[in-house]
């Protein structure tokens, strides 16, 4: 909810604990628009790898980020991308 696009996209956090969060982009405005226009998914994984890792690192340098799925990767219909944030023990 602290990101600007949180007001534009539908997202959810799952498996929230003291050391782990799974974040999913349920509806991405950009990807949904491309889908409506018959365009392929925008391959945003390389952007997400930098963006989410830096955002998490700014909050706490111990937080590590792992991509679970993001275009151009295959993803289920239920979400566009999923990311894991964790602090290892």
PDB file of N, CA and C in Angstrom:
ATOM      1  N   UNK A   1       0.810  -1.204   0.000  1.00  0.00           N
ATOM      2  CA  UNK A   1       0.000   0.000   0.000  1.00  0.00           C
ATOM      3  C   UNK A   1       0.850   1.262   0.000  1.00  0.00           C
ATOM      4  N   UNK A   2       2.150   1.137   0.181  1.00  0.00           N
ATOM      5  CA  UNK A   2       3.027   2.303   0.214  1.00  0.00           C
ATOM      6  C   UNK A   2       3.627   2.635  -1.150  1.00  0.00           C
ATOM      7  N   UNK A   3       3.241   1.924  -2.165  1.00  0.00           N
ATOM      8  CA  UNK A   3       3.726   2.183  -3.519  1.00  0.00           C
ATOM      9  C   UNK A   3       2.667   2.967  -4.276  1.00  0.00           C
ATOM     10  N   UNK A   4       3.093   3.858  -5.149  1.00  0.00           N
ATOM     11  CA  UNK A   4       2.172   4.695  -5.901  1.00  0.00           C
ATOM     12  C   UNK A   4       1.155   3.857  -6.685  1.00  0.00           C
ATOM     13  N   UNK A   5       1.612   2.783  -7.317  1.00  0.00           N
ATOM     14  CA  UNK A   5       0.688   2.001  -8.143  1.00  0.00           C
ATOM     15  C   UNK A   5      -0.261   1.127  -7.330  1.00  0.00           C
ATOM     16  N   UNK A   6      -0.144   1.145  -6.021  1.00  0.00           N
ATOM     17  CA  UNK A   6      -1.075   0.370  -5.193  1.00  0.00           C
ATOM     18  C   UNK A   6      -2.506   0.860  -5.368  1.00  0.00           C
ATOM     19  N   UNK A   7      -2.667   2.107  -5.758  1.00  0.00           N
ATOM     20  CA  UNK A   7      -4.009   2.649  -5.996  1.00  0.00           C
ATOM     21  C   UNK A   7      -4.538   2.264  -7.380  1.00  0.00           C
ATOM     22  N   UNK A   8      -3.659   1.792  -8.249  1.00  0.00           N
ATOM     23  CA  UNK A   8      -4.049   1.461  -9.617  1.00  0.00           C
ATOM     24  C   UNK A   8      -4.246  -0.026  -9.837  1.00  0.00           C
ATOM     25  N   UNK A   9      -3.585  -0.838  -9.045  1.00  0.00           N
ATOM     26  CA  UNK A   9      -3.570  -2.282  -9.238  1.00  0.00           C
ATOM     27  C   UNK A   9      -4.171  -2.991  -8.029  1.00  0.00           C
ATOM     28  N   UNK A  10      -4.683  -4.183  -8.270  1.00  0.00           N
ATOM     29  CA  UNK A  10      -5.199  -5.013  -7.184  1.00  0.00           C
ATOM     30  C   UNK A  10      -4.093  -5.974  -6.764  1.00  0.00           C
ATOM     31  N   UNK A  11      -3.722  -5.917  -5.499  1.00  0.00           N
ATOM     32  CA  UNK A  11      -2.631  -6.762  -5.010  1.00  0.00           C
ATOM     33  C   UNK A  11      -3.014  -7.372  -3.675  1.00  0.00           C
ATOM     34  N   UNK A  12      -2.283  -8.416  -3.297  1.00  0.00           N
ATOM     35  CA  UNK A  12      -2.555  -9.070  -2.021  1.00  0.00           C
ATOM     36  C   UNK A  12      -1.256  -9.579  -1.423  1.00  0.00           C
ATOM     37  N   UNK A  13      -1.242  -9.668  -0.111  1.00  0.00           N
ATOM     38  CA  UNK A  13      -0.108 -10.254   0.603  1.00  0.00           C
ATOM     39  C   UNK A  13      -0.596 -11.538   1.252  1.00  0.00           C
ATOM     40  N   UNK A  14       0.156 -12.596   1.055  1.00  0.00           N
ATOM     41  CA  UNK A  14      -0.169 -13.902   1.608  1.00  0.00           C
ATOM     42  C   UNK A  14       0.955 -14.343   2.534  1.00  0.00           C
ATOM     43  N   UNK A  15       0.670 -15.308   3.349  1.00  0.00           N
ATOM     44  CA  UNK A  15       1.683 -15.935   4.192  1.00  0.00           C
ATOM     45  C   UNK A  15       2.531 -14.903   4.930  1.00  0.00           C
ATOM     46  N   UNK A  16       1.884 -13.933   5.521  1.00  0.00           N
ATOM     47  CA  UNK A  16       2.606 -12.895   6.247  1.00  0.00           C
ATOM     48  C   UNK A  16       3.041 -13.437   7.604  1.00  0.00           C
ATOM     49  N   UNK A  17       4.338 -13.384   7.865  1.00  0.00           N
ATOM     50  CA  UNK A  17       4.877 -13.783   9.170  1.00  0.00           C
ATOM     51  C   UNK A  17       5.984 -12.795   9.541  1.00  0.00           C
ATOM     52  N   UNK A  18       6.654 -13.037  10.631  1.00  0.00           N
ATOM     53  CA  UNK A  18       7.747 -12.156  11.051  1.00  0.00           C
ATOM     54  C   UNK A  18       8.940 -12.212  10.106  1.00  0.00           C
ATOM     55  N   UNK A  19       9.046 -13.290   9.340  1.00  0.00           N
ATOM     56  CA  UNK A  19      10.225 -13.459   8.476  1.00  0.00           C
ATOM     57  C   UNK A  19       9.901 -13.657   7.002  1.00  0.00           C
ATOM     58  N   UNK A  20       8.610 -13.683   6.632  1.00  0.00           N
ATOM     59  CA  UNK A  20       8.272 -13.990   5.234  1.00  0.00           C
ATOM     60  C   UNK A  20       6.947 -13.359   4.827  1.00  0.00           C
ATOM     61  N   UNK A  21       6.922 -12.851   3.603  1.00  0.00           N
ATOM     62  CA  UNK A  21       5.696 -12.344   2.987  1.00  0.00           C
ATOM     63  C   UNK A  21       5.696 -12.779   1.529  1.00  0.00           C
ATOM     64  N   UNK A  22       4.558 -13.233   1.048  1.00  0.00           N
ATOM     65  CA  UNK A  22       4.376 -13.490  -0.377  1.00  0.00           C
ATOM     66  C   UNK A  22       3.404 -12.438  -0.894  1.00  0.00           C
ATOM     67  N   UNK A  23       3.858 -11.689  -1.889  1.00  0.00           N
ATOM     68  CA  UNK A  23       3.092 -10.593  -2.487  1.00  0.00           C
ATOM     69  C   UNK A  23       2.682 -11.004  -3.890  1.00  0.00           C
ATOM     70  N   UNK A  24       1.406 -10.800  -4.225  1.00  0.00           N
ATOM     71  CA  UNK A  24       0.928 -11.117  -5.571  1.00  0.00           C
ATOM     72  C   UNK A  24       0.212  -9.924  -6.176  1.00  0.00           C
ATOM     73  N   UNK A  25       0.481  -9.687  -7.445  1.00  0.00           N
ATOM     74  CA  UNK A  25      -0.221  -8.669  -8.217  1.00  0.00           C
ATOM     75  C   UNK A  25      -1.393  -9.378  -8.892  1.00  0.00           C
ATOM     76  N   UNK A  26      -2.576  -9.206  -8.338  1.00  0.00           N
ATOM     77  CA  UNK A  26      -3.763  -9.907  -8.815  1.00  0.00           C
ATOM     78  C   UNK A  26      -4.263  -9.299 -10.120  1.00  0.00           C
ATOM     79  N   UNK A  27      -4.306  -7.981 -10.171  1.00  0.00           N
ATOM     80  CA  UNK A  27      -4.691  -7.311 -11.412  1.00  0.00           C
ATOM     81  C   UNK A  27      -3.729  -6.161 -11.659  1.00  0.00           C
ATOM     82  N   UNK A  28      -2.977  -6.248 -12.722  1.00  0.00           N
ATOM     83  CA  UNK A  28      -2.007  -5.222 -13.112  1.00  0.00           C
ATOM     84  C   UNK A  28      -2.629  -4.400 -14.234  1.00  0.00           C
ATOM     85  N   UNK A  29      -2.714  -3.121 -14.030  1.00  0.00           N
ATOM     86  CA  UNK A  29      -3.351  -2.245 -15.012  1.00  0.00           C
ATOM     87  C   UNK A  29      -2.683  -2.344 -16.392  1.00  0.00           C
ATOM     88  N   UNK A  30      -1.362  -2.368 -16.407  1.00  0.00           N
ATOM     89  CA  UNK A  30      -0.624  -2.450 -17.675  1.00  0.00           C
ATOM     90  C   UNK A  30      -0.889  -3.787 -18.365  1.00  0.00           C
ATOM     91  N   UNK A  31      -0.740  -4.880 -17.627  1.00  0.00           N
ATOM     92  CA  UNK A  31      -0.918  -6.203 -18.229  1.00  0.00           C
ATOM     93  C   UNK A  31      -2.365  -6.427 -18.667  1.00  0.00           C
ATOM     94  N   UNK A  32      -3.311  -5.968 -17.873  1.00  0.00           N
ATOM     95  CA  UNK A  32      -4.723  -6.136 -18.245  1.00  0.00           C
ATOM     96  C   UNK A  32      -5.055  -5.368 -19.519  1.00  0.00           C
ATOM     97  N   UNK A  33      -4.507  -4.167 -19.656  1.00  0.00           N
ATOM     98  CA  UNK A  33      -4.742  -3.379 -20.872  1.00  0.00           C
ATOM     99  C   UNK A  33      -4.149  -4.077 -22.090  1.00  0.00           C
ATOM    100  N   UNK A  34      -2.950  -4.620 -21.936  1.00  0.00           N
ATOM    101  CA  UNK A  34      -2.323  -5.347 -23.045  1.00  0.00           C
ATOM    102  C   UNK A  34      -3.159  -6.559 -23.432  1.00  0.00           C
ATOM    103  N   UNK A  35      -3.675  -7.256 -22.434  1.00  0.00           N
ATOM    104  CA  UNK A  35      -4.498  -8.429 -22.709  1.00  0.00           C
ATOM    105  C   UNK A  35      -5.765  -8.036 -23.474  1.00  0.00           C
ATOM    106  N   UNK A  36      -6.416  -6.948 -23.057  1.00  0.00           N
ATOM    107  CA  UNK A  36      -7.626  -6.476 -23.754  1.00  0.00           C
ATOM    108  C   UNK A  36      -7.338  -6.120 -25.206  1.00  0.00           C
ATOM    109  N   UNK A  37      -6.140  -5.637 -25.486  1.00  0.00           N
ATOM    110  CA  UNK A  37      -5.756  -5.239 -26.844  1.00  0.00           C
ATOM    111  C   UNK A  37      -5.189  -6.401 -27.660  1.00  0.00           C
ATOM    112  N   UNK A  38      -5.146  -7.594 -27.055  1.00  0.00           N
ATOM    113  CA  UNK A  38      -4.631  -8.756 -27.759  1.00  0.00           C
ATOM    114  C   UNK A  38      -3.120  -8.801 -27.845  1.00  0.00           C
ATOM    115  N   UNK A  39      -2.437  -8.035 -27.002  1.00  0.00           N
ATOM    116  CA  UNK A  39      -0.973  -8.014 -26.991  1.00  0.00           C
ATOM    117  C   UNK A  39      -0.445  -9.039 -26.005  1.00  0.00           C
ATOM    118  N   UNK A  40       0.791  -9.485 -26.208  1.00  0.00           N
ATOM    119  CA  UNK A  40       1.379 -10.427 -25.251  1.00  0.00           C
ATOM    120  C   UNK A  40       1.700  -9.718 -23.933  1.00  0.00           C
ATOM    121  N   UNK A  41       1.941 -10.506 -22.897  1.00  0.00           N
ATOM    122  CA  UNK A  41       2.348  -9.950 -21.608  1.00  0.00           C
ATOM    123  C   UNK A  41       3.595  -9.091 -21.789  1.00  0.00           C
ATOM    124  N   UNK A  42       3.653  -7.984 -21.073  1.00  0.00           N
ATOM    125  CA  UNK A  42       4.868  -7.181 -21.049  1.00  0.00           C
ATOM    126  C   UNK A  42       5.874  -7.905 -20.158  1.00  0.00           C
ATOM    127  N   UNK A  43       7.088  -8.139 -20.644  1.00  0.00           N
ATOM    128  CA  UNK A  43       8.079  -8.882 -19.861  1.00  0.00           C
ATOM    129  C   UNK A  43       8.717  -7.992 -18.781  1.00  0.00           C
ATOM    130  N   UNK A  44       8.050  -7.862 -17.654  1.00  0.00           N
ATOM    131  CA  UNK A  44       8.477  -6.916 -16.625  1.00  0.00           C
ATOM    132  C   UNK A  44       9.336  -7.518 -15.520  1.00  0.00           C
ATOM    133  N   UNK A  45       9.686  -8.781 -15.621  1.00  0.00           N
ATOM    134  CA  UNK A  45      10.447  -9.442 -14.556  1.00  0.00           C
ATOM    135  C   UNK A  45      11.766  -8.735 -14.262  1.00  0.00           C
ATOM    136  N   UNK A  46      12.498  -8.321 -15.283  1.00  0.00           N
ATOM    137  CA  UNK A  46      13.800  -7.685 -15.037  1.00  0.00           C
ATOM    138  C   UNK A  46      13.637  -6.374 -14.268  1.00  0.00           C
ATOM    139  N   UNK A  47      12.561  -5.649 -14.526  1.00  0.00           N
ATOM    140  CA  UNK A  47      12.275  -4.415 -13.788  1.00  0.00           C
ATOM    141  C   UNK A  47      11.908  -4.750 -12.343  1.00  0.00           C
ATOM    142  N   UNK A  48      11.057  -5.738 -12.169  1.00  0.00           N
ATOM    143  CA  UNK A  48      10.624  -6.136 -10.826  1.00  0.00           C
ATOM    144  C   UNK A  48      11.762  -6.622  -9.958  1.00  0.00           C
ATOM    145  N   UNK A  49      12.714  -7.341 -10.570  1.00  0.00           N
ATOM    146  CA  UNK A  49      13.854  -7.835  -9.792  1.00  0.00           C
ATOM    147  C   UNK A  49      14.610  -6.690  -9.131  1.00  0.00           C
ATOM    148  N   UNK A  50      14.778  -5.605  -9.838  1.00  0.00           N
ATOM    149  CA  UNK A  50      15.479  -4.436  -9.287  1.00  0.00           C
ATOM    150  C   UNK A  50      14.547  -3.646  -8.369  1.00  0.00           C
ATOM    151  N   UNK A  51      13.367  -3.335  -8.858  1.00  0.00           N
ATOM    152  CA  UNK A  51      12.441  -2.476  -8.121  1.00  0.00           C
ATOM    153  C   UNK A  51      12.060  -3.049  -6.759  1.00  0.00           C
ATOM    154  N   UNK A  52      11.600  -4.299  -6.733  1.00  0.00           N
ATOM    155  CA  UNK A  52      11.157  -4.887  -5.470  1.00  0.00           C
ATOM    156  C   UNK A  52      12.318  -5.126  -4.512  1.00  0.00           C
ATOM    157  N   UNK A  53      13.455  -5.552  -5.031  1.00  0.00           N
ATOM    158  CA  UNK A  53      14.608  -5.788  -4.158  1.00  0.00           C
ATOM    159  C   UNK A  53      15.090  -4.490  -3.517  1.00  0.00           C
ATOM    160  N   UNK A  54      15.143  -3.424  -4.297  1.00  0.00           N
ATOM    161  CA  UNK A  54      15.593  -2.142  -3.748  1.00  0.00           C
ATOM    162  C   UNK A  54      14.581  -1.576  -2.755  1.00  0.00           C
ATOM    163  N   UNK A  55      13.296  -1.716  -3.045  1.00  0.00           N
ATOM    164  CA  UNK A  55      12.264  -1.251  -2.128  1.00  0.00           C
ATOM    165  C   UNK A  55      12.380  -1.995  -0.796  1.00  0.00           C
ATOM    166  N   UNK A  56      12.508  -3.318  -0.859  1.00  0.00           N
ATOM    167  CA  UNK A  56      12.614  -4.125   0.352  1.00  0.00           C
ATOM    168  C   UNK A  56      13.892  -3.792   1.120  1.00  0.00           C
ATOM    169  N   UNK A  57      14.987  -3.639   0.401  1.00  0.00           N
ATOM    170  CA  UNK A  57      16.276  -3.343   1.031  1.00  0.00           C
ATOM    171  C   UNK A  57      16.238  -1.974   1.732  1.00  0.00           C
ATOM    172  N   UNK A  58      15.463  -1.042   1.193  1.00  0.00           N
ATOM    173  CA  UNK A  58      15.317   0.277   1.816  1.00  0.00           C
ATOM    174  C   UNK A  58      14.591   0.161   3.154  1.00  0.00           C
ATOM    175  N   UNK A  59      13.631  -0.727   3.227  1.00  0.00           N
ATOM    176  CA  UNK A  59      12.891  -0.940   4.476  1.00  0.00           C
ATOM    177  C   UNK A  59      13.782  -1.623   5.506  1.00  0.00           C
ATOM    178  N   UNK A  60      14.485  -2.657   5.072  1.00  0.00           N
ATOM    179  CA  UNK A  60      15.376  -3.405   5.967  1.00  0.00           C
ATOM    180  C   UNK A  60      16.411  -4.116   5.102  1.00  0.00           C
ATOM    181  N   UNK A  61      17.694  -3.793   5.254  1.00  0.00           N
ATOM    182  CA  UNK A  61      18.732  -4.398   4.405  1.00  0.00           C
ATOM    183  C   UNK A  61      18.819  -5.921   4.497  1.00  0.00           C
ATOM    184  N   UNK A  62      18.208  -6.507   5.523  1.00  0.00           N
ATOM    185  CA  UNK A  62      18.243  -7.977   5.658  1.00  0.00           C
ATOM    186  C   UNK A  62      17.224  -8.668   4.757  1.00  0.00           C
ATOM    187  N   UNK A  63      16.254  -7.933   4.237  1.00  0.00           N
ATOM    188  CA  UNK A  63      15.187  -8.539   3.429  1.00  0.00           C
ATOM    189  C   UNK A  63      15.741  -8.969   2.073  1.00  0.00           C
ATOM    190  N   UNK A  64      15.502 -10.222   1.739  1.00  0.00           N
ATOM    191  CA  UNK A  64      15.866 -10.759   0.429  1.00  0.00           C
ATOM    192  C   UNK A  64      14.589 -10.916  -0.396  1.00  0.00           C
ATOM    193  N   UNK A  65      14.751 -10.831  -1.696  1.00  0.00           N
ATOM    194  CA  UNK A  65      13.609 -10.871  -2.606  1.00  0.00           C
ATOM    195  C   UNK A  65      13.798 -12.001  -3.606  1.00  0.00           C
ATOM    196  N   UNK A  66      12.719 -12.732  -3.849  1.00  0.00           N
ATOM    197  CA  UNK A  66      12.761 -13.815  -4.834  1.00  0.00           C
ATOM    198  C   UNK A  66      11.506 -13.742  -5.686  1.00  0.00           C
ATOM    199  N   UNK A  67      11.687 -13.827  -6.983  1.00  0.00           N
ATOM    200  CA  UNK A  67      10.559 -13.849  -7.911  1.00  0.00           C
ATOM    201  C   UNK A  67       9.980 -15.257  -7.963  1.00  0.00           C
ATOM    202  N   UNK A  68       8.693 -15.365  -7.739  1.00  0.00           N
ATOM    203  CA  UNK A  68       8.014 -16.656  -7.841  1.00  0.00           C
ATOM    204  C   UNK A  68       7.426 -16.848  -9.233  1.00  0.00           C
ATOM    205  N   UNK A  69       6.962 -15.761  -9.834  1.00  0.00           N
ATOM    206  CA  UNK A  69       6.452 -15.780 -11.215  1.00  0.00           C
ATOM    207  C   UNK A  69       6.261 -14.337 -11.666  1.00  0.00           C
ATOM    208  N   UNK A  70       6.651 -14.055 -12.890  1.00  0.00           N
ATOM    209  CA  UNK A  70       6.470 -12.719 -13.452  1.00  0.00           C
ATOM    210  C   UNK A  70       6.752 -12.803 -14.949  1.00  0.00           C
ATOM    211  N   UNK A  71       5.921 -12.172 -15.772  1.00  0.00           N
ATOM    212  CA  UNK A  71       6.181 -12.215 -17.207  1.00  0.00           C
ATOM    213  C   UNK A  71       7.600 -11.740 -17.543  1.00  0.00           C
ATOM    214  N   UNK A  72       8.314 -12.447 -18.377  1.00  0.00           N
ATOM    215  CA  UNK A  72       7.821 -13.391 -19.372  1.00  0.00           C
ATOM    216  C   UNK A  72       7.609 -14.819 -18.870  1.00  0.00           C
ATOM    217  N   UNK A  73       7.812 -15.074 -17.557  1.00  0.00           N
ATOM    218  CA  UNK A  73       7.532 -16.407 -17.011  1.00  0.00           C
ATOM    219  C   UNK A  73       6.048 -16.726 -17.152  1.00  0.00           C
ATOM    220  N   UNK A  74       5.755 -17.990 -17.165  1.00  0.00           N
ATOM    221  CA  UNK A  74       4.360 -18.428 -17.101  1.00  0.00           C
ATOM    222  C   UNK A  74       3.806 -18.053 -15.728  1.00  0.00           C
ATOM    223  N   UNK A  75       2.533 -17.741 -15.671  1.00  0.00           N
ATOM    224  CA  UNK A  75       1.883 -17.434 -14.408  1.00  0.00           C
ATOM    225  C   UNK A  75       0.444 -17.926 -14.485  1.00  0.00           C
ATOM    226  N   UNK A  76      -0.137 -18.256 -13.336  1.00  0.00           N
ATOM    227  CA  UNK A  76      -1.533 -18.706 -13.365  1.00  0.00           C
ATOM    228  C   UNK A  76      -2.465 -17.541 -13.681  1.00  0.00           C
ATOM    229  N   UNK A  77      -3.677 -17.842 -14.046  1.00  0.00           N
ATOM    230  CA  UNK A  77      -4.659 -16.803 -14.358  1.00  0.00           C
ATOM    231  C   UNK A  77      -5.029 -15.960 -13.132  1.00  0.00           C
ATOM    232  N   UNK A  78      -4.785 -16.469 -11.934  1.00  0.00           N
ATOM    233  CA  UNK A  78      -5.187 -15.775 -10.707  1.00  0.00           C
ATOM    234  C   UNK A  78      -4.333 -14.549 -10.390  1.00  0.00           C
ATOM    235  N   UNK A  79      -3.137 -14.451 -10.967  1.00  0.00           N
ATOM    236  CA  UNK A  79      -2.282 -13.293 -10.711  1.00  0.00           C
ATOM    237  C   UNK A  79      -1.276 -13.121 -11.841  1.00  0.00           C
ATOM    238  N   UNK A  80      -0.731 -11.892 -11.923  1.00  0.00           N
ATOM    239  CA  UNK A  80       0.260 -11.577 -12.954  1.00  0.00           C
ATOM    240  C   UNK A  80       1.666 -11.891 -12.486  1.00  0.00           C
ATOM    241  N   UNK A  81       1.958 -11.543 -11.236  1.00  0.00           N
ATOM    242  CA  UNK A  81       3.286 -11.835 -10.711  1.00  0.00           C
ATOM    243  C   UNK A  81       3.186 -12.118  -9.222  1.00  0.00           C
ATOM    244  N   UNK A  82       4.204 -12.780  -8.710  1.00  0.00           N
ATOM    245  CA  UNK A  82       4.271 -13.095  -7.284  1.00  0.00           C
ATOM    246  C   UNK A  82       5.722 -12.989  -6.846  1.00  0.00           C
ATOM    247  N   UNK A  83       5.893 -12.439  -5.674  1.00  0.00           N
ATOM    248  CA  UNK A  83       7.230 -12.182  -5.127  1.00  0.00           C
ATOM    249  C   UNK A  83       7.281 -12.619  -3.672  1.00  0.00           C
ATOM    250  N   UNK A  84       8.401 -13.177  -3.288  1.00  0.00           N
ATOM    251  CA  UNK A  84       8.617 -13.584  -1.900  1.00  0.00           C
ATOM    252  C   UNK A  84       9.653 -12.645  -1.289  1.00  0.00           C
ATOM    253  N   UNK A  85       9.350 -12.144  -0.102  1.00  0.00           N
ATOM    254  CA  UNK A  85      10.276 -11.317   0.665  1.00  0.00           C
ATOM    255  C   UNK A  85      10.545 -12.051   1.959  1.00  0.00           C
ATOM    256  N   UNK A  86      11.805 -12.227   2.296  1.00  0.00           N
ATOM    257  CA  UNK A  86      12.108 -13.013   3.497  1.00  0.00           C
ATOM    258  C   UNK A  86      13.413 -12.553   4.138  1.00  0.00           C
ATOM    259  N   UNK A  87      13.501 -12.862   5.406  1.00  0.00           N
ATOM    260  CA  UNK A  87      14.723 -12.652   6.177  1.00  0.00           C
ATOM    261  C   UNK A  87      15.172 -14.038   6.596  1.00  0.00           C
ATOM    262  N   UNK A  88      16.341 -14.445   6.128  1.00  0.00           N
ATOM    263  CA  UNK A  88      16.809 -15.792   6.474  1.00  0.00           C
ATOM    264  C   UNK A  88      17.499 -15.763   7.831  1.00  0.00           C
ATOM    265  N   UNK A  89      17.409 -16.903   8.479  1.00  0.00           N
ATOM    266  CA  UNK A  89      17.744 -17.048   9.843  1.00  0.00           C
ATOM    267  C   UNK A  89      19.083 -17.019  10.341  1.00  0.00           C
TER     268      UNK A  89
END
